[in-house]
Amino acid sequence: MSSEQNDSSSSVSMSRSMRSDVAARKHYTTAPEDRISLAHKLIYGFGAFVNNLLAAAIGGMVIVLNLGLGMNPALVGLLGALPRLTDALTDPLMGYISDNTHSRWGRRRPYIFVGAISAGVIFALLWQLPMGMSQNYYFWYFLIGSLIFYLAYTVFATPWVALGYELTPDYHERTRLMGVQNFMGQLAYIIAPWFLLIMQASMFGDMVEGASYLAIAIGLLTIGVGVLPAIFLKERFSHPELTTEQLAAKQNKVSFWFALKKNMQEFFSGFLATLKVRPFLKLCAATFLVFNGFMLISSFQFYVIIYYVFGGDTELGAEFAGWSGTLGAISTFMVIFLVTWMSTKIGKRRTFFIAISISMVGYGLKWFCYNPEYPWLLLLPAPFMAFGLGALFTLMGSMIADVCDLDELETRQRREGMFGSIYWWVVKLGMALALAAGGFLLNATGFDVSLNGNQTEQTIFLMRLFDVGVPIITSALAIWAVASYPLTEQKAHEVRMQLEKRRGAAEAIPVAP
């Protein structure tokens, strides 16, 4: 081939590449009918507050089993992990039930209402721990109670998540909605860092009694706030279209066992189909890595602060940990606004790369700022680390909503419940593994609670190393997982237009100047 031909071929290739890049960055404005009112965004966000409050409470209060009742840290870690294993079945099953519910109140709202009440009541009862019992008694009491609690939690959370994916069809409005719900959810993380200090308050006889009263307050708050999305929000899709077989079964009133068999077949078919959606799997992997890394150190760092920075002073360590957590939560509010704005300018994927990289800087700073000589320095990494979860739960929900549209285009089914359930099961699995790994890692460092502030140098070094190194590694792997995520704004817009054309409701969306 001649040099002229090579040059011509190269020019054509570059021209195509430039056109492709311009198309990928095409920007669309949000139509008025696609916007969600601020009031409705806030109400949906109350669900995030309940979701995060329960997650933070179960993770942060579990330390009572070790420090208050003397349970082995490894057993405490197992209590955080084992109930989550059942979510592998109950979450997708709840998603399927929600997707296929036919009721006068919609597919999601009845479960959100009942789930919020049930989860609040059961959580309050879970922490009414009797004193003077054996370690085995506490283990089985808490394990059985946790299994029941997480079931009620699933009934609330899975339909609530699915509801958010369908509230608007717009690419950018989805990010704004998820930004508001993440903002509301972060309010829980302002409160949660103080749970340990509250449980040790002088008004209570001991930490266990403090936990019992705190759990009642959390349960009441869960009920009062959690039912609001069920009462005030509307669903875009009232129910899925019945298949020919479902219509025949409904008309002929087939046997219970036949209906159950058909439903189970459809459930497993939908479950496997969801797991084959590669863009969705990339988002799940990134979430598992970022969230798991964060949750692991969120429980682990209490020990670093108490036994390294403050030499075993539990009360002072809890106070500074509270200030650090509160600063991180406040910083997350600003991160959410910044990430939401950035994603409308440079895209969701690029915004994710930048935010997670900044959080890695924050994790690295902990090695230098967790310093016994200058304890206030431990506040410095918090704003940087806030970019991790601040970006994660603002962008991932919006990106999964785009994936739901892609799935409808290919399967002709709306399966927000199935996608949401599997995604949040990954989140909860990450939390469970973090709690379990935290206990075993703590044992691996040689930590001995009876030594108080006299832990060995090797123990302190390993605690600090795990605290810094683990989230940096998991965050880097998350960036790699999202690097090939394919749904750009242009691609999402094309999918929406095809869906609306199929439904007979296509409308032109103006291109922004």
Protein backbone atom coordinates (compact mmCIF):
# COMPACT_ATOMS: atom_id res chain seq x y z
CA MET A 1 0.00 0.00 0.00
CA SER A 2 1.37 3.44 -0.93
CA SER A 3 2.12 6.18 1.57
CA GLU A 4 -0.68 8.28 -0.01
CA GLN A 5 -3.13 5.44 0.62
CA ASN A 6 -1.86 5.07 4.18
CA ASP A 7 -2.32 8.78 4.79
CA SER A 8 -5.80 8.69 3.27
CA SER A 9 -6.79 5.68 5.38
CA SER A 10 -5.38 7.34 8.49
CA SER A 11 -7.31 10.55 7.78
CA VAL A 12 -10.57 8.67 7.28
CA SER A 13 -9.97 6.76 10.52
CA MET A 14 -9.24 9.95 12.46
CA SER A 15 -12.31 11.63 10.96
CA ARG A 16 -14.52 8.73 12.02
CA SER A 17 -12.97 8.76 15.49
CA MET A 18 -13.60 12.49 15.89
CA ARG A 19 -17.22 12.15 14.72
CA SER A 20 -17.70 9.27 17.15
CA ASP A 21 -16.22 11.29 20.03
CA VAL A 22 -18.46 14.29 19.24
CA ALA A 23 -21.51 12.01 19.08
CA ALA A 24 -20.58 10.40 22.37
CA ARG A 25 -20.47 13.83 24.01
CA LYS A 26 -23.78 15.08 22.56
CA HIS A 27 -25.74 16.72 25.35
CA TYR A 28 -29.53 16.67 25.75
CA THR A 29 -31.67 18.92 27.90
CA THR A 30 -34.31 17.55 30.26
CA ALA A 31 -37.88 17.95 29.04
CA PRO A 32 -40.30 19.53 31.57
CA GLU A 33 -42.45 16.39 31.71
CA ASP A 34 -39.39 14.33 32.69
CA ARG A 35 -38.54 16.45 35.71
CA ILE A 36 -39.35 15.35 39.25
CA SER A 37 -40.41 18.02 41.72
CA LEU A 38 -38.02 18.77 44.57
CA ALA A 39 -40.66 17.69 47.07
CA HIS A 40 -40.94 14.26 45.46
CA LYS A 41 -37.17 13.94 45.25
CA LEU A 42 -36.94 14.67 48.97
CA ILE A 43 -39.66 12.16 49.78
CA TYR A 44 -37.87 9.49 47.78
CA GLY A 45 -34.72 10.52 49.64
CA PHE A 46 -36.38 9.70 52.97
CA GLY A 47 -36.18 6.08 51.87
CA ALA A 48 -32.41 6.48 51.51
CA PHE A 49 -32.25 7.94 55.01
CA VAL A 50 -33.98 4.85 56.43
CA ASN A 51 -31.88 2.51 54.30
CA ASN A 52 -28.60 4.08 55.43
CA LEU A 53 -29.71 4.51 59.03
CA LEU A 54 -30.48 0.82 59.44
CA ALA A 55 -27.29 -0.22 57.63
CA ALA A 56 -25.11 2.13 59.68
CA ALA A 57 -26.83 1.18 62.92
CA ILE A 58 -26.47 -2.57 62.52
CA GLY A 59 -22.82 -2.11 61.54
CA GLY A 60 -21.90 0.50 64.15
CA MET A 61 -23.81 -0.93 67.12
CA VAL A 62 -22.53 -4.48 66.69
CA ILE A 63 -19.35 -3.43 68.52
CA VAL A 64 -21.48 -3.69 71.70
CA LEU A 65 -21.34 -7.47 71.40
CA ASN A 66 -17.54 -7.30 71.72
CA LEU A 67 -16.94 -4.37 74.08
CA GLY A 68 -20.16 -4.66 76.09
CA LEU A 69 -20.73 -8.43 76.26
CA GLY A 70 -17.19 -9.72 75.67
CA MET A 71 -17.90 -11.79 72.55
CA ASN A 72 -15.00 -12.92 70.37
CA PRO A 73 -14.48 -10.44 67.46
CA ALA A 74 -14.52 -13.29 64.95
CA LEU A 75 -17.97 -14.40 66.17
CA VAL A 76 -19.17 -10.81 66.00
CA GLY A 77 -17.94 -10.65 62.42
CA LEU A 78 -19.81 -13.84 61.56
CA LEU A 79 -23.01 -12.34 62.98
CA GLY A 80 -22.63 -9.54 60.47
CA ALA A 81 -21.93 -11.89 57.56
CA LEU A 82 -24.17 -14.95 57.98
CA PRO A 83 -27.59 -13.21 57.76
CA ARG A 84 -26.47 -11.49 54.55
CA LEU A 85 -26.00 -14.85 52.84
CA THR A 86 -29.77 -15.36 52.89
CA ASP A 87 -30.13 -12.11 50.94
CA ALA A 88 -28.71 -13.94 47.92
CA LEU A 89 -32.16 -15.54 47.62
CA THR A 90 -34.54 -13.17 49.41
CA ASP A 91 -33.41 -9.98 47.61
CA PRO A 92 -33.89 -11.25 44.02
CA LEU A 93 -37.07 -13.04 45.06
CA MET A 94 -38.45 -9.80 46.50
CA GLY A 95 -37.41 -8.02 43.31
CA TYR A 96 -39.29 -10.55 41.21
CA ILE A 97 -42.38 -10.32 43.43
CA SER A 98 -42.32 -6.53 43.22
CA ASP A 99 -41.86 -6.52 39.43
CA ASN A 100 -44.82 -8.86 38.98
CA THR A 101 -47.26 -7.54 41.57
CA HIS A 102 -50.73 -6.49 40.42
CA SER A 103 -52.49 -4.32 42.98
CA ARG A 104 -54.61 -1.19 43.14
CA TRP A 105 -51.70 0.54 44.97
CA GLY A 106 -49.04 -0.38 42.42
CA ARG A 107 -46.07 -2.74 42.26
CA ARG A 108 -43.82 -1.12 44.87
CA ARG A 109 -45.75 0.96 47.37
CA PRO A 110 -47.50 -1.75 49.42
CA TYR A 111 -44.19 -3.45 50.20
CA ILE A 112 -42.45 -0.19 51.06
CA PHE A 113 -45.20 0.63 53.57
CA VAL A 114 -45.30 -2.79 55.26
CA GLY A 115 -41.52 -3.25 55.13
CA ALA A 116 -40.76 0.06 56.87
CA ILE A 117 -43.06 -0.75 59.78
CA SER A 118 -41.79 -4.34 60.13
CA ALA A 119 -38.11 -3.40 59.94
CA GLY A 120 -38.51 -0.68 62.57
CA VAL A 121 -40.27 -2.94 65.06
CA ILE A 122 -37.90 -5.88 64.63
CA PHE A 123 -34.77 -3.72 64.86
CA ALA A 124 -35.93 -2.30 68.20
CA LEU A 125 -36.59 -5.81 69.56
CA LEU A 126 -33.26 -7.16 68.29
CA TRP A 127 -31.24 -5.06 70.74
CA GLN A 128 -33.18 -5.90 73.88
CA LEU A 129 -30.33 -8.17 74.97
CA PRO A 130 -30.64 -9.94 78.35
CA MET A 131 -27.61 -9.73 80.62
CA GLY A 132 -25.64 -12.57 82.17
CA MET A 133 -26.03 -15.08 79.33
CA SER A 134 -23.36 -17.20 77.66
CA GLN A 135 -21.50 -16.27 74.48
CA ASN A 136 -23.36 -19.02 72.59
CA TYR A 137 -26.71 -17.65 73.76
CA TYR A 138 -25.91 -14.17 72.47
CA PHE A 139 -24.64 -15.59 69.19
CA TRP A 140 -27.83 -17.55 68.43
CA TYR A 141 -30.17 -14.87 69.78
CA PHE A 142 -28.62 -12.23 67.56
CA LEU A 143 -28.26 -14.53 64.54
CA ILE A 144 -31.93 -15.59 64.52
CA GLY A 145 -33.10 -12.04 65.23
CA SER A 146 -30.89 -10.68 62.43
CA LEU A 147 -32.30 -13.16 59.91
CA ILE A 148 -35.83 -11.94 60.66
CA PHE A 149 -34.75 -8.29 60.60
CA TYR A 150 -33.00 -8.55 57.25
CA LEU A 151 -36.06 -10.18 55.73
CA ALA A 152 -38.20 -7.20 56.76
CA TYR A 153 -35.43 -4.85 55.61
CA THR A 154 -35.53 -6.52 52.16
CA VAL A 155 -39.30 -6.11 51.89
CA PHE A 156 -38.80 -2.35 52.34
CA ALA A 157 -35.54 -1.67 50.51
CA THR A 158 -35.89 -3.68 47.30
CA PRO A 159 -39.16 -2.07 46.08
CA TRP A 160 -37.95 1.36 47.22
CA VAL A 161 -34.80 1.05 45.09
CA ALA A 162 -36.80 -0.18 42.08
CA LEU A 163 -39.21 2.74 42.43
CA GLY A 164 -36.34 5.19 42.00
CA TYR A 165 -35.24 3.60 38.71
CA GLU A 166 -38.63 4.25 37.11
CA LEU A 167 -39.55 7.72 38.42
CA THR A 168 -38.08 9.48 35.36
CA PRO A 169 -36.85 8.36 31.91
CA ASP A 170 -34.34 11.22 31.54
CA TYR A 171 -30.58 10.55 31.61
CA HIS A 172 -29.68 13.62 33.66
CA GLU A 173 -32.81 13.81 35.83
CA ARG A 174 -31.97 10.33 37.05
CA THR A 175 -28.63 11.60 38.30
CA ARG A 176 -30.30 14.57 39.98
CA LEU A 177 -32.80 12.26 41.67
CA MET A 178 -30.02 9.98 42.89
CA GLY A 179 -28.06 13.01 44.04
CA VAL A 180 -30.96 14.16 46.22
CA GLN A 181 -31.60 10.68 47.62
CA ASN A 182 -27.89 10.25 48.37
CA PHE A 183 -27.91 13.67 50.04
CA MET A 184 -30.82 12.62 52.23
CA GLY A 185 -29.20 9.28 52.94
CA GLN A 186 -26.06 11.00 54.19
CA LEU A 187 -28.05 12.56 57.02
CA ALA A 188 -27.98 9.12 58.59
CA TYR A 189 -24.19 9.13 58.50
CA ILE A 190 -24.10 12.40 60.44
CA ILE A 191 -25.93 10.65 63.26
CA ALA A 192 -24.36 7.19 63.06
CA PRO A 193 -20.76 8.08 64.10
CA TRP A 194 -22.13 9.18 67.48
CA PHE A 195 -23.88 5.91 68.27
CA LEU A 196 -20.95 4.55 70.26
CA LEU A 197 -20.75 7.70 72.37
CA ILE A 198 -24.54 7.73 72.88
CA MET A 199 -24.52 4.13 74.08
CA GLN A 200 -21.87 5.04 76.67
CA ALA A 201 -23.78 8.06 77.98
CA SER A 202 -23.93 8.40 81.76
CA MET A 203 -27.74 8.20 81.76
CA PHE A 204 -27.47 4.49 80.92
CA GLY A 205 -26.23 1.82 83.29
CA ASP A 206 -23.90 0.34 80.68
CA MET A 207 -23.29 0.11 76.93
CA VAL A 208 -25.80 -2.72 76.49
CA GLU A 209 -28.62 -0.72 78.09
CA GLY A 210 -27.67 2.27 75.96
CA ALA A 211 -27.94 0.11 72.84
CA SER A 212 -31.43 -1.05 73.80
CA TYR A 213 -32.79 2.49 74.11
CA LEU A 214 -30.98 3.69 71.00
CA ALA A 215 -32.50 0.82 69.00
CA ILE A 216 -36.02 1.82 70.07
CA ALA A 217 -35.41 5.39 68.88
CA ILE A 218 -34.04 4.14 65.55
CA GLY A 219 -37.01 1.81 65.12
CA LEU A 220 -39.54 4.59 65.66
CA LEU A 221 -37.69 6.88 63.25
CA THR A 222 -37.61 4.10 60.65
CA ILE A 223 -41.37 3.66 60.81
CA GLY A 224 -42.23 7.36 60.77
CA VAL A 225 -39.98 8.23 57.83
CA GLY A 226 -39.92 4.99 55.87
CA VAL A 227 -43.62 4.96 54.98
CA LEU A 228 -43.52 8.40 53.29
CA PRO A 229 -42.40 7.21 49.79
CA ALA A 230 -45.24 4.66 49.82
CA ILE A 231 -47.80 7.34 50.64
CA PHE A 232 -46.77 10.25 48.43
CA LEU A 233 -44.97 8.92 45.33
CA LYS A 234 -46.56 7.63 42.12
CA GLU A 235 -45.32 4.76 39.98
CA ARG A 236 -44.80 5.24 36.23
CA PHE A 237 -45.53 1.59 35.50
CA SER A 238 -48.59 0.39 37.41
CA HIS A 239 -47.98 -3.25 36.61
CA PRO A 240 -46.22 -5.40 34.01
CA GLU A 241 -48.15 -6.71 31.05
CA LEU A 242 -49.44 -10.23 31.59
CA THR A 243 -48.13 -12.93 29.28
CA THR A 244 -50.50 -15.21 27.38
CA GLU A 245 -49.81 -18.02 29.85
CA GLN A 246 -50.44 -15.73 32.82
CA LEU A 247 -53.74 -14.55 31.37
CA ALA A 248 -54.83 -18.13 30.73
CA ALA A 249 -53.81 -19.14 34.25
CA LYS A 250 -55.74 -16.23 35.75
CA GLN A 251 -58.86 -17.01 33.74
CA ASN A 252 -58.76 -20.77 34.29
CA LYS A 253 -57.73 -20.57 37.94
CA VAL A 254 -54.97 -23.15 37.63
CA SER A 255 -53.76 -25.07 40.66
CA PHE A 256 -51.53 -23.46 43.25
CA TRP A 257 -48.64 -25.81 42.52
CA PHE A 258 -48.81 -25.20 38.79
CA ALA A 259 -48.78 -21.43 39.34
CA LEU A 260 -45.91 -21.76 41.80
CA LYS A 261 -43.91 -23.82 39.32
CA LYS A 262 -44.45 -21.26 36.55
CA ASN A 263 -43.50 -18.40 38.83
CA MET A 264 -40.31 -20.10 39.95
CA GLN A 265 -39.38 -20.81 36.33
CA GLU A 266 -39.92 -17.16 35.45
CA PHE A 267 -37.99 -16.06 38.53
CA PHE A 268 -34.89 -18.10 37.73
CA SER A 269 -35.12 -17.20 34.05
CA GLY A 270 -35.23 -13.49 34.91
CA PHE A 271 -32.47 -13.87 37.49
CA LEU A 272 -30.12 -15.54 35.01
CA ALA A 273 -31.00 -13.02 32.30
CA THR A 274 -30.08 -10.17 34.65
CA LEU A 275 -26.71 -11.73 35.39
CA LYS A 276 -25.95 -11.79 31.66
CA VAL A 277 -26.22 -8.00 31.28
CA ARG A 278 -22.54 -7.09 31.16
CA PRO A 279 -22.83 -3.32 31.83
CA PHE A 280 -24.80 -4.16 34.97
CA LEU A 281 -22.16 -6.63 36.15
CA LYS A 282 -19.48 -3.96 35.77
CA LEU A 283 -21.47 -1.61 38.02
CA CYS A 284 -22.00 -4.36 40.59
CA ALA A 285 -18.30 -5.18 40.65
CA ALA A 286 -17.32 -1.53 41.11
CA THR A 287 -19.86 -1.07 43.88
CA PHE A 288 -18.75 -4.20 45.70
CA LEU A 289 -15.12 -3.06 45.62
CA VAL A 290 -15.64 0.57 46.64
CA PHE A 291 -18.27 -0.11 49.27
CA ASN A 292 -16.58 -3.20 50.67
CA GLY A 293 -13.29 -1.35 51.03
CA PHE A 294 -14.99 1.57 52.78
CA MET A 295 -17.09 -0.56 55.12
CA LEU A 296 -14.12 -2.68 56.12
CA ILE A 297 -12.17 0.31 57.37
CA SER A 298 -15.24 2.10 58.75
CA SER A 299 -15.47 -0.50 61.51
CA PHE A 300 -11.75 -1.24 61.63
CA GLN A 301 -10.67 2.38 62.03
CA PHE A 302 -12.45 2.65 65.40
CA TYR A 303 -9.77 0.36 66.79
CA VAL A 304 -6.96 2.31 65.10
CA ILE A 305 -8.24 5.59 66.53
CA ILE A 306 -8.88 4.22 70.02
CA TYR A 307 -5.78 2.04 70.48
CA TYR A 308 -3.19 3.86 68.35
CA VAL A 309 -4.09 7.55 68.39
CA PHE A 310 -5.53 7.60 71.94
CA GLY A 311 -3.69 4.71 73.58
CA GLY A 312 -6.82 2.74 74.56
CA ASP A 313 -9.01 5.64 75.73
CA THR A 314 -12.37 4.38 74.45
CA GLU A 315 -14.40 7.47 75.32
CA LEU A 316 -11.98 9.99 73.81
CA GLY A 317 -11.47 7.77 70.75
CA ALA A 318 -15.24 7.50 70.25
CA GLU A 319 -15.57 11.29 70.44
CA PHE A 320 -12.91 11.93 67.80
CA ALA A 321 -14.28 9.12 65.62
CA GLY A 322 -17.66 10.84 65.88
CA TRP A 323 -16.21 14.17 64.77
CA SER A 324 -14.40 12.50 61.87
CA GLY A 325 -17.53 10.69 60.75
CA THR A 326 -19.65 13.82 60.99
CA LEU A 327 -17.11 15.83 58.98
CA GLY A 328 -17.06 13.06 56.37
CA ALA A 329 -20.85 13.09 56.15
CA ILE A 330 -20.97 16.89 55.81
CA SER A 331 -18.27 16.73 53.14
CA THR A 332 -20.31 14.12 51.30
CA PHE A 333 -23.14 16.64 50.91
CA MET A 334 -20.82 18.92 48.96
CA VAL A 335 -19.41 15.99 47.02
CA ILE A 336 -22.92 14.98 45.92
CA PHE A 337 -23.60 18.44 44.47
CA LEU A 338 -20.22 18.47 42.74
CA VAL A 339 -20.57 14.96 41.34
CA THR A 340 -24.11 15.61 40.09
CA TRP A 341 -22.95 18.76 38.29
CA MET A 342 -19.83 17.10 36.87
CA SER A 343 -21.74 14.13 35.49
CA THR A 344 -23.91 16.42 33.34
CA LYS A 345 -20.74 17.99 31.91
CA ILE A 346 -18.25 15.18 31.43
CA GLY A 347 -20.39 12.05 31.80
CA LYS A 348 -21.07 9.62 34.59
CA ARG A 349 -18.13 7.30 33.94
CA ARG A 350 -15.43 10.01 33.87
CA THR A 351 -16.91 11.60 36.99
CA PHE A 352 -16.65 8.23 38.73
CA PHE A 353 -12.93 7.96 37.85
CA ILE A 354 -12.12 11.39 39.27
CA ALA A 355 -14.13 10.97 42.47
CA ILE A 356 -12.77 7.54 43.35
CA SER A 357 -9.21 8.70 42.70
CA ILE A 358 -9.68 11.57 45.17
CA SER A 359 -11.01 9.14 47.79
CA MET A 360 -7.84 7.05 47.36
CA VAL A 361 -5.81 10.12 48.27
CA GLY A 362 -7.86 10.41 51.45
CA TYR A 363 -7.20 6.80 52.44
CA GLY A 364 -3.48 7.35 51.91
CA LEU A 365 -3.49 10.45 54.11
CA LYS A 366 -4.64 8.36 57.07
CA TRP A 367 -1.15 6.87 57.37
CA PHE A 368 0.26 10.31 58.16
CA CYS A 369 -2.71 12.04 59.81
CA TYR A 370 -3.66 9.37 62.36
CA ASN A 371 -0.97 10.67 64.67
CA PRO A 372 -0.96 10.36 68.50
CA GLU A 373 0.97 13.63 68.80
CA TYR A 374 -1.55 15.60 66.69
CA PRO A 375 -4.93 13.86 67.13
CA TRP A 376 -6.92 16.57 65.38
CA LEU A 377 -5.12 15.68 62.14
CA LEU A 378 -7.32 12.59 61.89
CA LEU A 379 -10.08 14.90 60.63
CA LEU A 380 -8.08 15.85 57.50
CA PRO A 381 -8.61 12.64 55.43
CA ALA A 382 -12.40 12.64 55.96
CA PRO A 383 -13.34 15.17 53.21
CA PHE A 384 -11.20 13.32 50.66
CA MET A 385 -12.61 9.90 51.57
CA ALA A 386 -16.12 11.35 51.21
CA PHE A 387 -15.70 11.33 47.42
CA GLY A 388 -15.94 7.52 47.48
CA LEU A 389 -19.49 6.91 48.69
CA GLY A 390 -20.62 10.39 47.65
CA ALA A 391 -19.96 9.52 44.01
CA LEU A 392 -20.80 5.84 44.23
CA PHE A 393 -24.45 6.08 45.26
CA THR A 394 -25.11 9.21 43.21
CA LEU A 395 -23.84 7.72 39.96
CA MET A 396 -24.54 4.00 40.28
CA GLY A 397 -28.30 4.31 40.76
CA SER A 398 -28.54 6.60 37.76
CA MET A 399 -26.41 4.26 35.62
CA ILE A 400 -28.46 1.21 36.62
CA ALA A 401 -31.65 3.04 35.60
CA ASP A 402 -30.05 3.44 32.14
CA VAL A 403 -29.28 -0.28 32.14
CA CYS A 404 -32.95 -1.05 32.93
CA ASP A 405 -33.93 0.77 29.74
CA LEU A 406 -31.38 -1.20 27.74
CA ASP A 407 -32.76 -4.41 29.23
CA GLU A 408 -36.34 -3.45 28.31
CA LEU A 409 -35.24 -2.80 24.75
CA GLU A 410 -33.79 -6.30 24.53
CA THR A 411 -36.32 -8.29 26.63
CA ARG A 412 -39.52 -6.16 26.51
CA GLN A 413 -39.74 -6.38 30.32
CA ARG A 414 -39.42 -3.78 33.07
CA ARG A 415 -37.32 -5.50 35.74
CA GLU A 416 -36.17 -2.68 38.01
CA GLY A 417 -36.91 -4.85 41.02
CA MET A 418 -34.64 -7.64 39.86
CA PHE A 419 -31.80 -5.27 38.94
CA GLY A 420 -32.15 -3.32 42.16
CA SER A 421 -32.33 -6.43 44.31
CA ILE A 422 -29.21 -8.00 42.85
CA TYR A 423 -27.33 -4.71 43.00
CA TRP A 424 -28.22 -4.06 46.65
CA TRP A 425 -27.55 -7.64 47.54
CA VAL A 426 -24.00 -6.98 46.29
CA VAL A 427 -23.91 -3.91 48.56
CA LYS A 428 -25.15 -5.89 51.55
CA LEU A 429 -22.81 -8.76 50.75
CA GLY A 430 -19.96 -6.27 50.76
CA MET A 431 -21.07 -4.99 54.14
CA ALA A 432 -21.34 -8.53 55.51
CA LEU A 433 -17.92 -9.54 54.24
CA ALA A 434 -16.46 -6.32 55.60
CA LEU A 435 -17.89 -7.01 59.05
CA ALA A 436 -16.69 -10.61 58.96
CA ALA A 437 -13.27 -9.74 57.56
CA GLY A 438 -12.92 -6.93 60.09
CA GLY A 439 -13.20 -9.40 62.96
CA PHE A 440 -10.76 -11.89 61.46
CA LEU A 441 -8.31 -9.16 60.42
CA LEU A 442 -8.45 -7.78 63.95
CA ASN A 443 -7.56 -11.22 65.31
CA ALA A 444 -4.80 -11.52 62.69
CA THR A 445 -3.16 -8.35 64.01
CA GLY A 446 -2.86 -9.96 67.44
CA PHE A 447 -5.29 -7.51 69.06
CA ASP A 448 -6.23 -8.41 72.64
CA VAL A 449 -9.01 -6.39 74.27
CA SER A 450 -7.71 -7.26 77.74
CA LEU A 451 -4.46 -5.35 77.03
CA ASN A 452 -6.38 -2.08 76.63
CA GLY A 453 -3.87 0.54 75.45
CA ASN A 454 -0.86 -1.78 75.75
CA GLN A 455 -1.15 -3.45 72.33
CA THR A 456 2.10 -4.63 70.74
CA GLU A 457 3.93 -2.56 68.10
CA GLN A 458 3.29 -5.24 65.50
CA THR A 459 -0.43 -5.19 66.27
CA ILE A 460 -0.59 -1.42 65.86
CA PHE A 461 1.40 -1.53 62.60
CA LEU A 462 -0.83 -4.22 61.06
CA MET A 463 -3.98 -2.40 62.13
CA ARG A 464 -2.79 0.77 60.42
CA LEU A 465 -1.61 -1.10 57.32
CA PHE A 466 -4.97 -2.82 56.78
CA ASP A 467 -6.81 0.42 57.51
CA VAL A 468 -4.98 2.28 54.73
CA GLY A 469 -4.07 -0.39 52.19
CA VAL A 470 -7.30 -2.34 51.72
CA PRO A 471 -9.55 0.53 50.48
CA ILE A 472 -6.84 1.88 48.17
CA ILE A 473 -6.54 -1.50 46.45
CA THR A 474 -10.30 -2.07 46.17
CA SER A 475 -10.87 1.46 44.80
CA ALA A 476 -8.22 0.99 42.11
CA LEU A 477 -9.86 -2.27 41.04
CA ALA A 478 -13.25 -0.50 40.87
CA ILE A 479 -11.88 2.09 38.43
CA TRP A 480 -10.61 -0.75 36.25
CA ALA A 481 -14.05 -2.44 36.34
CA VAL A 482 -15.91 0.67 35.10
CA ALA A 483 -13.33 1.58 32.45
CA SER A 484 -15.24 -0.32 29.74
CA TYR A 485 -18.81 0.62 30.78
CA PRO A 486 -20.52 1.38 27.43
CA LEU A 487 -23.69 3.43 28.14
CA THR A 488 -22.86 7.04 27.25
CA GLU A 489 -25.43 9.83 27.21
CA GLN A 490 -25.84 9.43 23.45
CA LYS A 491 -26.33 5.66 23.70
CA ALA A 492 -28.85 6.07 26.55
CA HIS A 493 -30.76 8.62 24.48
CA GLU A 494 -30.91 6.27 21.50
CA VAL A 495 -32.25 3.48 23.71
CA ARG A 496 -34.95 5.75 25.12
CA MET A 497 -36.06 6.88 21.66
CA GLN A 498 -36.39 3.28 20.51
CA LEU A 499 -38.41 2.39 23.59
CA GLU A 500 -40.78 5.31 23.20
CA LYS A 501 -41.20 4.58 19.51
CA ARG A 502 -42.11 1.02 20.42
CA ARG A 503 -44.61 2.29 23.01
CA GLY A 504 -45.98 4.83 20.53
CA ALA A 505 -44.91 7.79 22.68
CA ALA A 506 -41.73 9.07 21.05
CA GLU A 507 -41.16 12.81 21.43
CA ALA A 508 -38.26 14.88 20.21
CA ILE A 509 -35.89 16.10 22.89
CA PRO A 510 -34.11 19.34 21.99
CA VAL A 511 -30.34 19.39 21.82
CA ALA A 512 -28.77 21.94 24.14
CA PRO A 513 -26.79 24.77 22.56
